[in-house]
Amino acid sequence: MKLVSIETIPGQNFEVLGIVKGTVVNSKNIGKDILSGLKTIVGGEIVSYTEMLNEARQIATKRMVDEANALGADAIVGVRYGSSAVMQGAAEIIAFGTAVKFI
């Protein structure tokens, strides 16, 4: 499955199948949350949250690709990611784009 953030694939004609998306809400355990809170006092990257968001993006991307595969898509164009805080220590990640079939 080809994933691109641009709206077209140069040299490729396609028909639009529809919007596809994948979402996930991830959180860290209370122990890591407390340690991350202490990190905010001294500053710097909060590695456990970076890892959590990277993992969440991978899961959301896989779910989006699975939805596109179910439509018989060859690619997803206009891929975007969004995130929001659902509650303290938990974030929602959404991956979305337009599933297309090459013609």
Protein backbone atom coordinates (compact mmCIF):
# COMPACT_ATOMS: atom_id res chain seq x y z
CA MET A 1 0.00 0.00 0.00
CA LYS A 2 1.46 3.32 -1.07
CA LEU A 3 0.90 6.16 1.42
CA VAL A 4 1.55 9.75 0.36
CA SER A 5 0.83 13.09 1.98
CA ILE A 6 0.32 14.81 -1.38
CA GLU A 7 -3.03 14.80 -3.16
CA THR A 8 -1.81 13.08 -6.33
CA ILE A 9 0.73 10.48 -7.34
CA PRO A 10 2.76 11.81 -10.27
CA GLY A 11 2.18 9.78 -13.43
CA GLN A 12 -0.62 7.75 -11.86
CA ASN A 13 -4.32 7.94 -12.66
CA PHE A 14 -6.75 6.71 -10.05
CA GLU A 15 -10.36 6.64 -8.97
CA VAL A 16 -11.32 7.78 -5.49
CA LEU A 17 -12.80 5.09 -3.25
CA GLY A 18 -13.43 7.25 -0.19
CA ILE A 19 -12.03 8.53 3.06
CA VAL A 20 -10.30 6.01 5.31
CA LYS A 21 -9.14 6.47 8.88
CA GLY A 22 -7.64 4.70 11.83
CA THR A 23 -7.79 5.81 15.44
CA VAL A 24 -6.34 4.71 18.75
CA VAL A 25 -6.31 6.06 22.30
CA ASN A 26 -3.14 5.17 24.21
CA SER A 27 -1.96 5.85 27.74
CA LYS A 28 1.03 5.06 29.89
CA ASN A 29 0.84 3.29 33.22
CA ILE A 30 0.64 5.31 36.43
CA GLY A 31 4.30 4.67 37.30
CA LYS A 32 5.57 6.11 34.04
CA ASP A 33 3.05 8.94 34.31
CA ILE A 34 4.44 9.94 37.70
CA LEU A 35 8.04 9.77 36.44
CA SER A 36 7.07 11.83 33.40
CA GLY A 37 5.51 14.42 35.69
CA LEU A 38 8.80 14.72 37.57
CA LYS A 39 10.61 15.20 34.25
CA THR A 40 8.59 18.36 33.63
CA ILE A 41 10.33 19.93 36.63
CA VAL A 42 13.82 19.62 35.12
CA GLY A 43 12.82 19.85 31.46
CA GLY A 44 13.79 17.81 28.44
CA GLU A 45 12.17 15.17 26.30
CA ILE A 46 9.66 12.88 27.99
CA VAL A 47 10.77 9.69 26.26
CA SER A 48 7.91 7.51 27.51
CA TYR A 49 5.36 9.86 25.91
CA THR A 50 7.35 10.07 22.68
CA GLU A 51 7.36 6.27 22.54
CA MET A 52 3.64 6.15 23.34
CA LEU A 53 2.79 8.56 20.51
CA ASN A 54 5.03 6.76 18.01
CA GLU A 55 3.36 3.46 18.87
CA ALA A 56 -0.09 5.06 18.62
CA ARG A 57 0.72 6.50 15.16
CA GLN A 58 1.83 3.04 13.97
CA ILE A 59 -1.41 1.46 15.21
CA ALA A 60 -3.58 4.22 13.71
CA THR A 61 -1.74 3.92 10.38
CA LYS A 62 -2.23 0.14 10.30
CA ARG A 63 -5.95 0.53 10.99
CA MET A 64 -6.25 3.11 8.21
CA VAL A 65 -4.41 0.79 5.78
CA ASP A 66 -6.61 -2.14 6.82
CA GLU A 67 -9.71 -0.05 6.04
CA ALA A 68 -8.26 0.90 2.64
CA ASN A 69 -7.41 -2.74 1.87
CA ALA A 70 -11.01 -3.70 2.62
CA LEU A 71 -12.07 -1.24 -0.10
CA GLY A 72 -9.58 -2.74 -2.57
CA ALA A 73 -7.38 0.37 -2.59
CA ASP A 74 -3.92 0.54 -4.13
CA ALA A 75 -2.86 3.68 -2.28
CA ILE A 76 -3.90 6.35 0.19
CA VAL A 77 -3.35 9.97 -0.81
CA GLY A 78 -3.50 13.07 1.36
CA VAL A 79 -2.44 11.18 4.48
CA ARG A 80 -2.67 13.29 7.62
CA TYR A 81 -2.33 12.71 11.36
CA GLY A 82 -4.09 14.41 14.21
CA SER A 83 -3.93 14.09 17.97
CA SER A 84 -5.83 15.22 21.00
CA ALA A 85 -5.62 14.75 24.73
CA VAL A 86 -8.49 12.57 25.91
CA MET A 87 -7.53 12.78 29.57
CA GLN A 88 -4.34 13.33 31.53
CA GLY A 89 -1.79 10.78 30.35
CA ALA A 90 -3.90 9.55 27.40
CA ALA A 91 -3.86 10.71 23.81
CA GLU A 92 -5.95 9.94 20.76
CA ILE A 93 -4.15 9.65 17.44
CA ILE A 94 -6.03 9.61 14.14
CA ALA A 95 -4.59 8.82 10.73
CA PHE A 96 -6.74 9.65 7.70
CA GLY A 97 -6.56 10.03 3.96
CA THR A 98 -8.30 9.17 0.70
CA ALA A 99 -8.23 5.58 -0.55
CA VAL A 100 -7.67 5.30 -4.30
CA LYS A 101 -7.61 2.55 -6.92
CA PHE A 102 -5.19 2.83 -9.86
CA ILE A 103 -6.75 2.83 -13.35
